[in-house]
PDB file of all heavy atoms in Angstrom:
ATOM      1  N   VAL A   1      -2.011  12.790 -28.662  1.00  0.00           N
ATOM      2  CA  VAL A   1      -3.162  12.315 -27.930  1.00  0.00           C
ATOM      3  C   VAL A   1      -2.904  10.896 -27.400  1.00  0.00           C
ATOM      4  O   VAL A   1      -3.222  10.576 -26.250  1.00  0.00           O
ATOM      5  CB  VAL A   1      -4.451  12.365 -28.812  1.00  0.00           C
ATOM      6  CG1 VAL A   1      -5.596  11.639 -28.146  1.00  0.00           C
ATOM      7  CG2 VAL A   1      -4.829  13.783 -29.128  1.00  0.00           C
ATOM      8  N   THR A   2      -2.289  10.051 -28.228  1.00  0.00           N
ATOM      9  CA  THR A   2      -2.011   8.668 -27.818  1.00  0.00           C
ATOM     10  C   THR A   2      -0.997   8.652 -26.667  1.00  0.00           C
ATOM     11  O   THR A   2      -1.194   7.938 -25.667  1.00  0.00           O
ATOM     12  CB  THR A   2      -1.444   7.871 -28.999  1.00  0.00           C
ATOM     13  OG1 THR A   2      -2.400   7.916 -30.055  1.00  0.00           O
ATOM     14  CG2 THR A   2      -1.154   6.438 -28.621  1.00  0.00           C
ATOM     15  N   ILE A   3       0.053   9.447 -26.775  1.00  0.00           N
ATOM     16  CA  ILE A   3       1.060   9.511 -25.684  1.00  0.00           C
ATOM     17  C   ILE A   3       0.467  10.076 -24.423  1.00  0.00           C
ATOM     18  O   ILE A   3       0.629   9.532 -23.331  1.00  0.00           O
ATOM     19  CB  ILE A   3       2.286  10.313 -26.140  1.00  0.00           C
ATOM     20  CG1 ILE A   3       3.047   9.567 -27.215  1.00  0.00           C
ATOM     21  CG2 ILE A   3       3.210  10.636 -24.965  1.00  0.00           C
ATOM     22  CD1 ILE A   3       4.162  10.354 -27.882  1.00  0.00           C
ATOM     23  N   GLY A   4      -0.304  11.144 -24.549  1.00  0.00           N
ATOM     24  CA  GLY A   4      -0.948  11.762 -23.369  1.00  0.00           C
ATOM     25  C   GLY A   4      -1.943  10.794 -22.713  1.00  0.00           C
ATOM     26  O   GLY A   4      -2.000  10.686 -21.493  1.00  0.00           O
ATOM     27  N   GLY A   5      -2.698  10.096 -23.511  1.00  0.00           N
ATOM     28  CA  GLY A   5      -3.645   9.101 -22.976  1.00  0.00           C
ATOM     29  C   GLY A   5      -2.916   7.971 -22.290  1.00  0.00           C
ATOM     30  O   GLY A   5      -3.349   7.509 -21.221  1.00  0.00           O
ATOM     31  N   GLY A   6      -1.829   7.524 -22.885  1.00  0.00           N
ATOM     32  CA  GLY A   6      -1.016   6.466 -22.247  1.00  0.00           C
ATOM     33  C   GLY A   6      -0.463   6.878 -20.886  1.00  0.00           C
ATOM     34  O   GLY A   6      -0.477   6.098 -19.904  1.00  0.00           O
ATOM     35  N   ILE A   7       0.007   8.104 -20.824  1.00  0.00           N
ATOM     36  CA  ILE A   7       0.525   8.632 -19.556  1.00  0.00           C
ATOM     37  C   ILE A   7      -0.590   8.734 -18.509  1.00  0.00           C
ATOM     38  O   ILE A   7      -0.389   8.372 -17.342  1.00  0.00           O
ATOM     39  CB  ILE A   7       1.216   9.985 -19.773  1.00  0.00           C
ATOM     40  CG1 ILE A   7       2.516   9.798 -20.569  1.00  0.00           C
ATOM     41  CG2 ILE A   7       1.529  10.690 -18.453  1.00  0.00           C
ATOM     42  CD1 ILE A   7       3.180  11.073 -21.045  1.00  0.00           C
ATOM     43  N   ALA A   8      -1.748   9.214 -18.930  1.00  0.00           N
ATOM     44  CA  ALA A   8      -2.879   9.340 -18.024  1.00  0.00           C
ATOM     45  C   ALA A   8      -3.304   7.967 -17.491  1.00  0.00           C
ATOM     46  O   ALA A   8      -3.576   7.807 -16.273  1.00  0.00           O
ATOM     47  CB  ALA A   8      -4.058  10.030 -18.708  1.00  0.00           C
ATOM     48  N   VAL A   9      -3.346   6.968 -18.335  1.00  0.00           N
ATOM     49  CA  VAL A   9      -3.720   5.611 -17.913  1.00  0.00           C
ATOM     50  C   VAL A   9      -2.666   5.077 -16.943  1.00  0.00           C
ATOM     51  O   VAL A   9      -3.010   4.479 -15.907  1.00  0.00           O
ATOM     52  CB  VAL A   9      -3.877   4.685 -19.144  1.00  0.00           C
ATOM     53  CG1 VAL A   9      -3.939   3.219 -18.719  1.00  0.00           C
ATOM     54  CG2 VAL A   9      -5.119   5.052 -19.932  1.00  0.00           C
ATOM     55  N   ALA A  10      -1.376   5.269 -17.250  1.00  0.00           N
ATOM     56  CA  ALA A  10      -0.308   4.793 -16.365  1.00  0.00           C
ATOM     57  C   ALA A  10      -0.401   5.429 -15.002  1.00  0.00           C
ATOM     58  O   ALA A  10      -0.256   4.778 -13.962  1.00  0.00           O
ATOM     59  CB  ALA A  10       1.073   5.033 -16.984  1.00  0.00           C
ATOM     60  N   LEU A  11      -0.643   6.751 -14.954  1.00  0.00           N
ATOM     61  CA  LEU A  11      -0.802   7.454 -13.676  1.00  0.00           C
ATOM     62  C   LEU A  11      -2.017   6.951 -12.904  1.00  0.00           C
ATOM     63  O   LEU A  11      -1.964   6.772 -11.684  1.00  0.00           O
ATOM     64  CB  LEU A  11      -0.872   8.955 -13.892  1.00  0.00           C
ATOM     65  CG  LEU A  11       0.407   9.632 -14.327  1.00  0.00           C
ATOM     66  CD1 LEU A  11       0.136  11.108 -14.667  1.00  0.00           C
ATOM     67  CD2 LEU A  11       1.460   9.563 -13.251  1.00  0.00           C
ATOM     68  N   GLY A  12      -3.085   6.706 -13.616  1.00  0.00           N
ATOM     69  CA  GLY A  12      -4.298   6.187 -12.952  1.00  0.00           C
ATOM     70  C   GLY A  12      -4.078   4.823 -12.383  1.00  0.00           C
ATOM     71  O   GLY A  12      -4.489   4.514 -11.232  1.00  0.00           O
ATOM     72  N   LEU A  13      -3.423   3.925 -13.110  1.00  0.00           N
ATOM     73  CA  LEU A  13      -3.138   2.595 -12.623  1.00  0.00           C
ATOM     74  C   LEU A  13      -2.186   2.622 -11.415  1.00  0.00           C
ATOM     75  O   LEU A  13      -2.326   1.861 -10.466  1.00  0.00           O
ATOM     76  CB  LEU A  13      -2.575   1.713 -13.733  1.00  0.00           C
ATOM     77  CG  LEU A  13      -3.536   1.315 -14.820  1.00  0.00           C
ATOM     78  CD1 LEU A  13      -2.799   0.569 -15.939  1.00  0.00           C
ATOM     79  CD2 LEU A  13      -4.676   0.495 -14.268  1.00  0.00           C
ATOM     80  N   THR A  14      -1.230   3.519 -11.465  1.00  0.00           N
ATOM     81  CA  THR A  14      -0.310   3.682 -10.324  1.00  0.00           C
ATOM     82  C   THR A  14      -1.072   4.135  -9.084  1.00  0.00           C
ATOM     83  O   THR A  14      -0.859   3.623  -7.971  1.00  0.00           O
ATOM     84  CB  THR A  14       0.806   4.680 -10.673  1.00  0.00           C
ATOM     85  OG1 THR A  14       1.522   4.208 -11.823  1.00  0.00           O
ATOM     86  CG2 THR A  14       1.753   4.867  -9.504  1.00  0.00           C
ATOM     87  N   ALA A  15      -1.969   5.092  -9.243  1.00  0.00           N
ATOM     88  CA  ALA A  15      -2.759   5.564  -8.101  1.00  0.00           C
ATOM     89  C   ALA A  15      -3.601   4.472  -7.544  1.00  0.00           C
ATOM     90  O   ALA A  15      -3.725   4.313  -6.317  1.00  0.00           O
ATOM     91  CB  ALA A  15      -3.625   6.762  -8.537  1.00  0.00           C
ATOM     92  N   VAL A  16      -4.229   3.633  -8.388  1.00  0.00           N
ATOM     93  CA  VAL A  16      -5.039   2.533  -7.939  1.00  0.00           C
ATOM     94  C   VAL A  16      -4.147   1.520  -7.221  1.00  0.00           C
ATOM     95  O   VAL A  16      -4.503   0.969  -6.161  1.00  0.00           O
ATOM     96  CB  VAL A  16      -5.810   1.881  -9.096  1.00  0.00           C
ATOM     97  CG1 VAL A  16      -6.391   0.530  -8.710  1.00  0.00           C
ATOM     98  CG2 VAL A  16      -6.876   2.822  -9.594  1.00  0.00           C
ATOM     99  N   GLY A  17      -2.976   1.230  -7.779  1.00  0.00           N
ATOM    100  CA  GLY A  17      -2.055   0.265  -7.173  1.00  0.00           C
ATOM    101  C   GLY A  17      -1.545   0.673  -5.802  1.00  0.00           C
ATOM    102  O   GLY A  17      -1.262  -0.156  -4.943  1.00  0.00           O
ATOM    103  N   VAL A  18      -1.442   1.979  -5.576  1.00  0.00           N
ATOM    104  CA  VAL A  18      -0.999   2.464  -4.280  1.00  0.00           C
ATOM    105  C   VAL A  18      -2.166   2.513  -3.283  1.00  0.00           C
ATOM    106  O   VAL A  18      -2.008   2.217  -2.091  1.00  0.00           O
ATOM    107  CB  VAL A  18      -0.342   3.866  -4.440  1.00  0.00           C
ATOM    108  CG1 VAL A  18      -0.114   4.511  -3.085  1.00  0.00           C
ATOM    109  CG2 VAL A  18       0.966   3.744  -5.197  1.00  0.00           C
ATOM    110  N   THR A  19      -3.331   2.894  -3.734  1.00  0.00           N
ATOM    111  CA  THR A  19      -4.486   3.130  -2.874  1.00  0.00           C
ATOM    112  C   THR A  19      -5.188   1.837  -2.463  1.00  0.00           C
ATOM    113  O   THR A  19      -5.541   1.682  -1.293  1.00  0.00           O
ATOM    114  CB  THR A  19      -5.490   4.052  -3.558  1.00  0.00           C
ATOM    115  OG1 THR A  19      -4.812   5.241  -3.960  1.00  0.00           O
ATOM    116  CG2 THR A  19      -6.643   4.389  -2.632  1.00  0.00           C
ATOM    117  N   VAL A  20      -5.405   0.914  -3.392  1.00  0.00           N
ATOM    118  CA  VAL A  20      -6.181  -0.276  -3.078  1.00  0.00           C
ATOM    119  C   VAL A  20      -5.585  -1.107  -1.945  1.00  0.00           C
ATOM    120  O   VAL A  20      -6.339  -1.485  -1.022  1.00  0.00           O
ATOM    121  CB  VAL A  20      -6.389  -1.117  -4.360  1.00  0.00           C
ATOM    122  CG1 VAL A  20      -6.954  -2.481  -4.047  1.00  0.00           C
ATOM    123  CG2 VAL A  20      -7.339  -0.376  -5.307  1.00  0.00           C
ATOM    124  N   PRO A  21      -4.270  -1.417  -1.936  1.00  0.00           N
ATOM    125  CA  PRO A  21      -3.747  -2.190  -0.800  1.00  0.00           C
ATOM    126  C   PRO A  21      -3.958  -1.486   0.549  1.00  0.00           C
ATOM    127  O   PRO A  21      -4.173  -2.158   1.557  1.00  0.00           O
ATOM    128  CB  PRO A  21      -2.261  -2.347  -1.111  1.00  0.00           C
ATOM    129  CG  PRO A  21      -2.185  -2.211  -2.587  1.00  0.00           C
ATOM    130  CD  PRO A  21      -3.244  -1.245  -2.956  1.00  0.00           C
ATOM    131  N   ARG A  22      -3.888  -0.181   0.551  1.00  0.00           N
ATOM    132  CA  ARG A  22      -4.104   0.542   1.797  1.00  0.00           C
ATOM    133  C   ARG A  22      -5.556   0.460   2.260  1.00  0.00           C
ATOM    134  O   ARG A  22      -5.835   0.418   3.463  1.00  0.00           O
ATOM    135  CB  ARG A  22      -3.712   1.993   1.654  1.00  0.00           C
ATOM    136  CG  ARG A  22      -2.213   2.183   1.590  1.00  0.00           C
ATOM    137  CD  ARG A  22      -1.830   3.623   1.527  1.00  0.00           C
ATOM    138  NE  ARG A  22      -0.375   3.756   1.407  1.00  0.00           N
ATOM    139  CZ  ARG A  22       0.244   4.896   1.258  1.00  0.00           C
ATOM    140  NH1 ARG A  22      -0.467   6.018   1.166  1.00  0.00           N
ATOM    141  NH2 ARG A  22       1.536   4.935   1.175  1.00  0.00           N
ATOM    142  N   LEU A  23      -6.465   0.429   1.308  1.00  0.00           N
ATOM    143  CA  LEU A  23      -7.889   0.373   1.684  1.00  0.00           C
ATOM    144  C   LEU A  23      -8.324  -1.015   2.084  1.00  0.00           C
ATOM    145  O   LEU A  23      -9.059  -1.185   3.052  1.00  0.00           O
ATOM    146  CB  LEU A  23      -8.738   0.841   0.485  1.00  0.00           C
ATOM    147  CG  LEU A  23      -8.656   2.322   0.103  1.00  0.00           C
ATOM    148  CD1 LEU A  23      -9.489   2.558  -1.144  1.00  0.00           C
ATOM    149  CD2 LEU A  23      -9.140   3.175   1.247  1.00  0.00           C
ATOM    150  N   PHE A  24      -7.835  -2.040   1.379  1.00  0.00           N
ATOM    151  CA  PHE A  24      -8.306  -3.384   1.601  1.00  0.00           C
ATOM    152  C   PHE A  24      -7.305  -4.288   2.250  1.00  0.00           C
ATOM    153  O   PHE A  24      -7.573  -5.465   2.501  1.00  0.00           O
ATOM    154  CB  PHE A  24      -8.781  -4.016   0.262  1.00  0.00           C
ATOM    155  CG  PHE A  24      -9.883  -3.217  -0.355  1.00  0.00           C
ATOM    156  CD1 PHE A  24      -9.696  -2.498  -1.538  1.00  0.00           C
ATOM    157  CD2 PHE A  24     -11.148  -3.178   0.208  1.00  0.00           C
ATOM    158  CE1 PHE A  24     -10.702  -1.780  -2.112  1.00  0.00           C
ATOM    159  CE2 PHE A  24     -12.175  -2.438  -0.366  1.00  0.00           C
ATOM    160  CZ  PHE A  24     -11.955  -1.741  -1.528  1.00  0.00           C
ATOM    161  N   GLY A  25      -6.088  -3.812   2.487  1.00  0.00           N
ATOM    162  CA  GLY A  25      -5.053  -4.621   3.117  1.00  0.00           C
ATOM    163  C   GLY A  25      -5.328  -4.806   4.599  1.00  0.00           C
ATOM    164  O   GLY A  25      -6.273  -4.280   5.182  1.00  0.00           O
ATOM    165  N   LYS A  26      -4.467  -5.588   5.216  1.00  0.00           N
ATOM    166  CA  LYS A  26      -4.577  -5.859   6.663  1.00  0.00           C
ATOM    167  C   LYS A  26      -4.309  -4.594   7.469  1.00  0.00           C
ATOM    168  O   LYS A  26      -3.320  -3.901   7.216  1.00  0.00           O
ATOM    169  CB  LYS A  26      -3.578  -6.950   7.032  1.00  0.00           C
ATOM    170  CG  LYS A  26      -3.505  -7.298   8.468  1.00  0.00           C
ATOM    171  CD  LYS A  26      -4.441  -8.405   8.799  1.00  0.00           C
ATOM    172  CE  LYS A  26      -4.211  -8.753  10.272  1.00  0.00           C
ATOM    173  NZ  LYS A  26      -5.106  -9.655  10.800  1.00  0.00           N
ATOM    174  N   HIS A  27      -5.171  -4.307   8.414  1.00  0.00           N
ATOM    175  CA  HIS A  27      -4.992  -3.161   9.299  1.00  0.00           C
ATOM    176  C   HIS A  27      -4.778  -3.693  10.704  1.00  0.00           C
ATOM    177  O   HIS A  27      -5.441  -4.630  11.130  1.00  0.00           O
ATOM    178  CB  HIS A  27      -6.194  -2.234   9.247  1.00  0.00           C
ATOM    179  CG  HIS A  27      -6.370  -1.561   7.923  1.00  0.00           C
ATOM    180  ND1 HIS A  27      -5.625  -0.496   7.529  1.00  0.00           N
ATOM    181  CD2 HIS A  27      -7.188  -1.854   6.887  1.00  0.00           C
ATOM    182  CE1 HIS A  27      -5.994  -0.115   6.306  1.00  0.00           C
ATOM    183  NE2 HIS A  27      -6.914  -0.939   5.889  1.00  0.00           N
ATOM    184  N   TYR A  28      -3.888  -3.060  11.425  1.00  0.00           N
ATOM    185  CA  TYR A  28      -3.572  -3.465  12.776  1.00  0.00           C
ATOM    186  C   TYR A  28      -4.017  -2.387  13.767  1.00  0.00           C
ATOM    187  O   TYR A  28      -4.140  -1.223  13.393  1.00  0.00           O
ATOM    188  CB  TYR A  28      -2.071  -3.703  12.930  1.00  0.00           C
ATOM    189  CG  TYR A  28      -1.563  -4.801  12.027  1.00  0.00           C
ATOM    190  CD1 TYR A  28      -0.946  -4.505  10.800  1.00  0.00           C
ATOM    191  CD2 TYR A  28      -1.701  -6.118  12.378  1.00  0.00           C
ATOM    192  CE1 TYR A  28      -0.489  -5.501   9.966  1.00  0.00           C
ATOM    193  CE2 TYR A  28      -1.256  -7.139  11.545  1.00  0.00           C
ATOM    194  CZ  TYR A  28      -0.650  -6.829  10.348  1.00  0.00           C
ATOM    195  OH  TYR A  28      -0.201  -7.818   9.539  1.00  0.00           O
ATOM    196  N   ARG A  29      -4.232  -2.864  14.987  1.00  0.00           N
ATOM    197  CA  ARG A  29      -4.538  -1.908  16.063  1.00  0.00           C
ATOM    198  C   ARG A  29      -3.390  -0.927  16.206  1.00  0.00           C
ATOM    199  O   ARG A  29      -2.241  -1.293  16.103  1.00  0.00           O
ATOM    200  CB  ARG A  29      -4.645  -2.686  17.362  1.00  0.00           C
ATOM    201  CG  ARG A  29      -5.984  -2.780  17.950  1.00  0.00           C
ATOM    202  CD  ARG A  29      -6.011  -3.517  19.258  1.00  0.00           C
ATOM    203  NE  ARG A  29      -5.005  -4.577  19.420  1.00  0.00           N
ATOM    204  CZ  ARG A  29      -4.310  -4.758  20.539  1.00  0.00           C
ATOM    205  NH1 ARG A  29      -4.497  -3.996  21.560  1.00  0.00           N
ATOM    206  NH2 ARG A  29      -3.458  -5.725  20.622  1.00  0.00           N
ATOM    207  N   LYS A  30      -3.694   0.299  16.490  1.00  0.00           N
ATOM    208  CA  LYS A  30      -2.655   1.306  16.785  1.00  0.00           C
ATOM    209  C   LYS A  30      -1.905   0.918  18.007  1.00  0.00           C
ATOM    210  O   LYS A  30      -2.490   0.440  18.992  1.00  0.00           O
ATOM    211  CB  LYS A  30      -3.256   2.695  16.936  1.00  0.00           C
ATOM    212  CG  LYS A  30      -3.668   3.319  15.649  1.00  0.00           C
ATOM    213  CD  LYS A  30      -3.001   4.674  15.588  1.00  0.00           C
ATOM    214  CE  LYS A  30      -3.281   5.366  14.318  1.00  0.00           C
ATOM    215  NZ  LYS A  30      -2.144   5.459  13.473  1.00  0.00           N
ATOM    216  N   SER A  31      -0.597   1.140  17.976  1.00  0.00           N
ATOM    217  CA  SER A  31       0.209   0.879  19.161  1.00  0.00           C
ATOM    218  C   SER A  31       1.305   1.909  19.232  1.00  0.00           C
ATOM    219  O   SER A  31       1.618   2.556  18.214  1.00  0.00           O
ATOM    220  CB  SER A  31       0.810  -0.537  19.113  1.00  0.00           C
ATOM    221  OG  SER A  31       1.963  -0.568  18.344  1.00  0.00           O
ATOM    222  N   PRO A  32       1.915   2.090  20.380  1.00  0.00           N
ATOM    223  CA  PRO A  32       3.003   3.048  20.485  1.00  0.00           C
ATOM    224  C   PRO A  32       4.268   2.567  19.791  1.00  0.00           C
ATOM    225  O   PRO A  32       5.242   3.288  19.764  1.00  0.00           O
ATOM    226  CB  PRO A  32       3.200   3.202  21.999  1.00  0.00           C
ATOM    227  CG  PRO A  32       2.530   2.038  22.634  1.00  0.00           C
ATOM    228  CD  PRO A  32       1.507   1.542  21.684  1.00  0.00           C
ATOM    229  N   TYR A  33       4.218   1.354  19.231  1.00  0.00           N
ATOM    230  CA  TYR A  33       5.414   0.787  18.607  1.00  0.00           C
ATOM    231  C   TYR A  33       5.269   0.606  17.109  1.00  0.00           C
ATOM    232  O   TYR A  33       5.997  -0.148  16.475  1.00  0.00           O
ATOM    233  CB  TYR A  33       5.715  -0.581  19.270  1.00  0.00           C
ATOM    234  CG  TYR A  33       5.675  -0.478  20.786  1.00  0.00           C
ATOM    235  CD1 TYR A  33       4.714  -1.223  21.484  1.00  0.00           C
ATOM    236  CD2 TYR A  33       6.524   0.341  21.487  1.00  0.00           C
ATOM    237  CE1 TYR A  33       4.620  -1.118  22.880  1.00  0.00           C
ATOM    238  CE2 TYR A  33       6.458   0.460  22.863  1.00  0.00           C
ATOM    239  CZ  TYR A  33       5.498  -0.273  23.538  1.00  0.00           C
ATOM    240  OH  TYR A  33       5.429  -0.164  24.924  1.00  0.00           O
ATOM    241  N   ASP A  34       4.320   1.297  16.513  1.00  0.00           N
ATOM    242  CA  ASP A  34       4.060   1.158  15.071  1.00  0.00           C
ATOM    243  C   ASP A  34       5.269   1.536  14.234  1.00  0.00           C
ATOM    244  O   ASP A  34       5.475   0.994  13.151  1.00  0.00           O
ATOM    245  CB  ASP A  34       2.862   2.002  14.653  1.00  0.00           C
ATOM    246  CG  ASP A  34       1.550   1.381  15.077  1.00  0.00           C
ATOM    247  OD1 ASP A  34       1.517   0.168  15.377  1.00  0.00           O
ATOM    248  OD2 ASP A  34       0.525   2.117  15.155  1.00  0.00           O
ATOM    249  N   ASP A  35       6.129   2.455  14.724  1.00  0.00           N
ATOM    250  CA  ASP A  35       7.305   2.835  13.968  1.00  0.00           C
ATOM    251  C   ASP A  35       8.256   1.639  13.822  1.00  0.00           C
ATOM    252  O   ASP A  35       8.899   1.459  12.803  1.00  0.00           O
ATOM    253  CB  ASP A  35       8.027   3.991  14.630  1.00  0.00           C
ATOM    254  CG  ASP A  35       8.461   3.678  16.059  1.00  0.00           C
ATOM    255  OD1 ASP A  35       7.685   3.088  16.815  1.00  0.00           O
ATOM    256  OD2 ASP A  35       9.586   4.096  16.434  1.00  0.00           O
ATOM    257  N   LEU A  36       8.300   0.787  14.836  1.00  0.00           N
ATOM    258  CA  LEU A  36       9.163  -0.393  14.782  1.00  0.00           C
ATOM    259  C   LEU A  36       8.463  -1.522  13.999  1.00  0.00           C
ATOM    260  O   LEU A  36       9.076  -2.182  13.147  1.00  0.00           O
ATOM    261  CB  LEU A  36       9.471  -0.878  16.201  1.00  0.00           C
ATOM    262  CG  LEU A  36      10.330   0.073  17.025  1.00  0.00           C
ATOM    263  CD1 LEU A  36      10.335  -0.347  18.490  1.00  0.00           C
ATOM    264  CD2 LEU A  36      11.738   0.122  16.464  1.00  0.00           C
ATOM    265  N   LEU A  37       7.216  -1.736  14.272  1.00  0.00           N
ATOM    266  CA  LEU A  37       6.466  -2.847  13.669  1.00  0.00           C
ATOM    267  C   LEU A  37       6.272  -2.655  12.141  1.00  0.00           C
ATOM    268  O   LEU A  37       6.114  -3.616  11.414  1.00  0.00           O
ATOM    269  CB  LEU A  37       5.145  -3.050  14.369  1.00  0.00           C
ATOM    270  CG  LEU A  37       5.260  -3.431  15.869  1.00  0.00           C
ATOM    271  CD1 LEU A  37       3.869  -3.468  16.512  1.00  0.00           C
ATOM    272  CD2 LEU A  37       6.000  -4.721  16.053  1.00  0.00           C
ATOM    273  N   ALA A  38       6.298  -1.423  11.710  1.00  0.00           N
ATOM    274  CA  ALA A  38       6.156  -1.114  10.269  1.00  0.00           C
ATOM    275  C   ALA A  38       7.334  -1.658   9.473  1.00  0.00           C
ATOM    276  O   ALA A  38       7.236  -1.859   8.242  1.00  0.00           O
ATOM    277  CB  ALA A  38       6.017   0.375  10.057  1.00  0.00           C
ATOM    278  N   GLN A  39       8.439  -1.959  10.142  1.00  0.00           N
ATOM    279  CA  GLN A  39       9.603  -2.489   9.421  1.00  0.00           C
ATOM    280  C   GLN A  39       9.468  -3.983   9.098  1.00  0.00           C
ATOM    281  O   GLN A  39      10.233  -4.518   8.322  1.00  0.00           O
ATOM    282  CB  GLN A  39      10.842  -2.254  10.250  1.00  0.00           C
ATOM    283  CG  GLN A  39      11.114  -0.758  10.414  1.00  0.00           C
ATOM    284  CD  GLN A  39      12.477  -0.501  11.016  1.00  0.00           C
ATOM    285  OE1 GLN A  39      13.439  -1.153  10.671  1.00  0.00           O
ATOM    286  NE2 GLN A  39      12.555   0.466  11.888  1.00  0.00           N
ATOM    287  N   LEU A  40       8.488  -4.638   9.664  1.00  0.00           N
ATOM    288  CA  LEU A  40       8.249  -6.051   9.408  1.00  0.00           C
ATOM    289  C   LEU A  40       7.501  -6.215   8.101  1.00  0.00           C
ATOM    290  O   LEU A  40       6.494  -5.503   7.865  1.00  0.00           O
ATOM    291  CB  LEU A  40       7.450  -6.674  10.560  1.00  0.00           C
ATOM    292  CG  LEU A  40       8.167  -6.734  11.890  1.00  0.00           C
ATOM    293  CD1 LEU A  40       7.176  -7.113  12.999  1.00  0.00           C
ATOM    294  CD2 LEU A  40       9.316  -7.753  11.836  1.00  0.00           C
ATOM    295  N   ILE A  41       7.938  -7.118   7.296  1.00  0.00           N
ATOM    296  CA  ILE A  41       7.242  -7.385   6.028  1.00  0.00           C
ATOM    297  C   ILE A  41       5.951  -8.153   6.288  1.00  0.00           C
ATOM    298  O   ILE A  41       4.911  -7.832   5.691  1.00  0.00           O
ATOM    299  CB  ILE A  41       8.146  -8.197   5.069  1.00  0.00           C
ATOM    300  CG1 ILE A  41       9.348  -7.349   4.669  1.00  0.00           C
ATOM    301  CG2 ILE A  41       7.410  -8.682   3.857  1.00  0.00           C
ATOM    302  CD1 ILE A  41      10.397  -8.091   3.912  1.00  0.00           C
ATOM    303  N   ASP A  42       5.994  -9.122   7.160  1.00  0.00           N
ATOM    304  CA  ASP A  42       4.787  -9.912   7.482  1.00  0.00           C
ATOM    305  C   ASP A  42       4.644  -9.918   9.026  1.00  0.00           C
ATOM    306  O   ASP A  42       5.230 -10.741   9.704  1.00  0.00           O
ATOM    307  CB  ASP A  42       4.919 -11.322   6.955  1.00  0.00           C
ATOM    308  CG  ASP A  42       3.658 -12.154   7.084  1.00  0.00           C
ATOM    309  OD1 ASP A  42       2.781 -11.735   7.892  1.00  0.00           O
ATOM    310  OD2 ASP A  42       3.574 -13.216   6.467  1.00  0.00           O
ATOM    311  N   ARG A  43       3.840  -8.998   9.478  1.00  0.00           N
ATOM    312  CA  ARG A  43       3.698  -8.845  10.933  1.00  0.00           C
ATOM    313  C   ARG A  43       3.034 -10.046  11.611  1.00  0.00           C
ATOM    314  O   ARG A  43       3.374 -10.383  12.727  1.00  0.00           O
ATOM    315  CB  ARG A  43       2.900  -7.558  11.191  1.00  0.00           C
ATOM    316  CG  ARG A  43       2.765  -7.199  12.641  1.00  0.00           C
ATOM    317  CD  ARG A  43       2.199  -5.796  12.780  1.00  0.00           C
ATOM    318  NE  ARG A  43       1.724  -5.552  14.095  1.00  0.00           N
ATOM    319  CZ  ARG A  43       1.190  -4.403  14.477  1.00  0.00           C
ATOM    320  NH1 ARG A  43       1.114  -3.371  13.629  1.00  0.00           N
ATOM    321  NH2 ARG A  43       0.754  -4.241  15.691  1.00  0.00           N
ATOM    322  N   ASP A  44       2.117 -10.688  10.891  1.00  0.00           N
ATOM    323  CA  ASP A  44       1.457 -11.874  11.444  1.00  0.00           C
ATOM    324  C   ASP A  44       2.428 -13.020  11.657  1.00  0.00           C
ATOM    325  O   ASP A  44       2.429 -13.693  12.681  1.00  0.00           O
ATOM    326  CB  ASP A  44       0.292 -12.301  10.553  1.00  0.00           C
ATOM    327  CG  ASP A  44      -0.838 -11.284  10.516  1.00  0.00           C
ATOM    328  OD1 ASP A  44      -1.038 -10.564  11.548  1.00  0.00           O
ATOM    329  OD2 ASP A  44      -1.529 -11.197   9.493  1.00  0.00           O
ATOM    330  N   ALA A  45       3.287 -13.241  10.665  1.00  0.00           N
ATOM    331  CA  ALA A  45       4.291 -14.297  10.790  1.00  0.00           C
ATOM    332  C   ALA A  45       5.282 -13.957  11.906  1.00  0.00           C
ATOM    333  O   ALA A  45       5.690 -14.822  12.648  1.00  0.00           O
ATOM    334  CB  ALA A  45       5.036 -14.487   9.449  1.00  0.00           C
ATOM    335  N   ALA A  46       5.669 -12.711  12.005  1.00  0.00           N
ATOM    336  CA  ALA A  46       6.596 -12.279  13.038  1.00  0.00           C
ATOM    337  C   ALA A  46       5.943 -12.482  14.430  1.00  0.00           C
ATOM    338  O   ALA A  46       6.620 -12.926  15.353  1.00  0.00           O
ATOM    339  CB  ALA A  46       6.958 -10.802  12.877  1.00  0.00           C
ATOM    340  N   ALA A  47       4.664 -12.218  14.532  1.00  0.00           N
ATOM    341  CA  ALA A  47       3.977 -12.416  15.821  1.00  0.00           C
ATOM    342  C   ALA A  47       3.985 -13.904  16.200  1.00  0.00           C
ATOM    343  O   ALA A  47       4.107 -14.248  17.389  1.00  0.00           O
ATOM    344  CB  ALA A  47       2.559 -11.894  15.747  1.00  0.00           C
ATOM    345  N   LYS A  48       3.835 -14.794  15.233  1.00  0.00           N
ATOM    346  CA  LYS A  48       3.928 -16.236  15.539  1.00  0.00           C
ATOM    347  C   LYS A  48       5.294 -16.621  16.035  1.00  0.00           C
ATOM    348  O   LYS A  48       5.422 -17.403  16.983  1.00  0.00           O
ATOM    349  CB  LYS A  48       3.602 -17.050  14.257  1.00  0.00           C
ATOM    350  CG  LYS A  48       2.134 -16.979  13.869  1.00  0.00           C
ATOM    351  CD  LYS A  48       1.882 -17.743  12.580  1.00  0.00           C
ATOM    352  CE  LYS A  48       0.432 -17.566  12.131  1.00  0.00           C
ATOM    353  NZ  LYS A  48       0.195 -18.215  10.840  1.00  0.00           N
TER     354      LYS A  48
END
């Protein structure tokens, strides 16, 4: 039970860690060049 609960908590935290940045992170206007711009780590700094 302890091992199973630990695994369930770890999976839940991983799901939150993946989902939250996508929900609350910076979103950009769609462009035909998103495949290229997605390679930038900091798109705002690159734009400057």
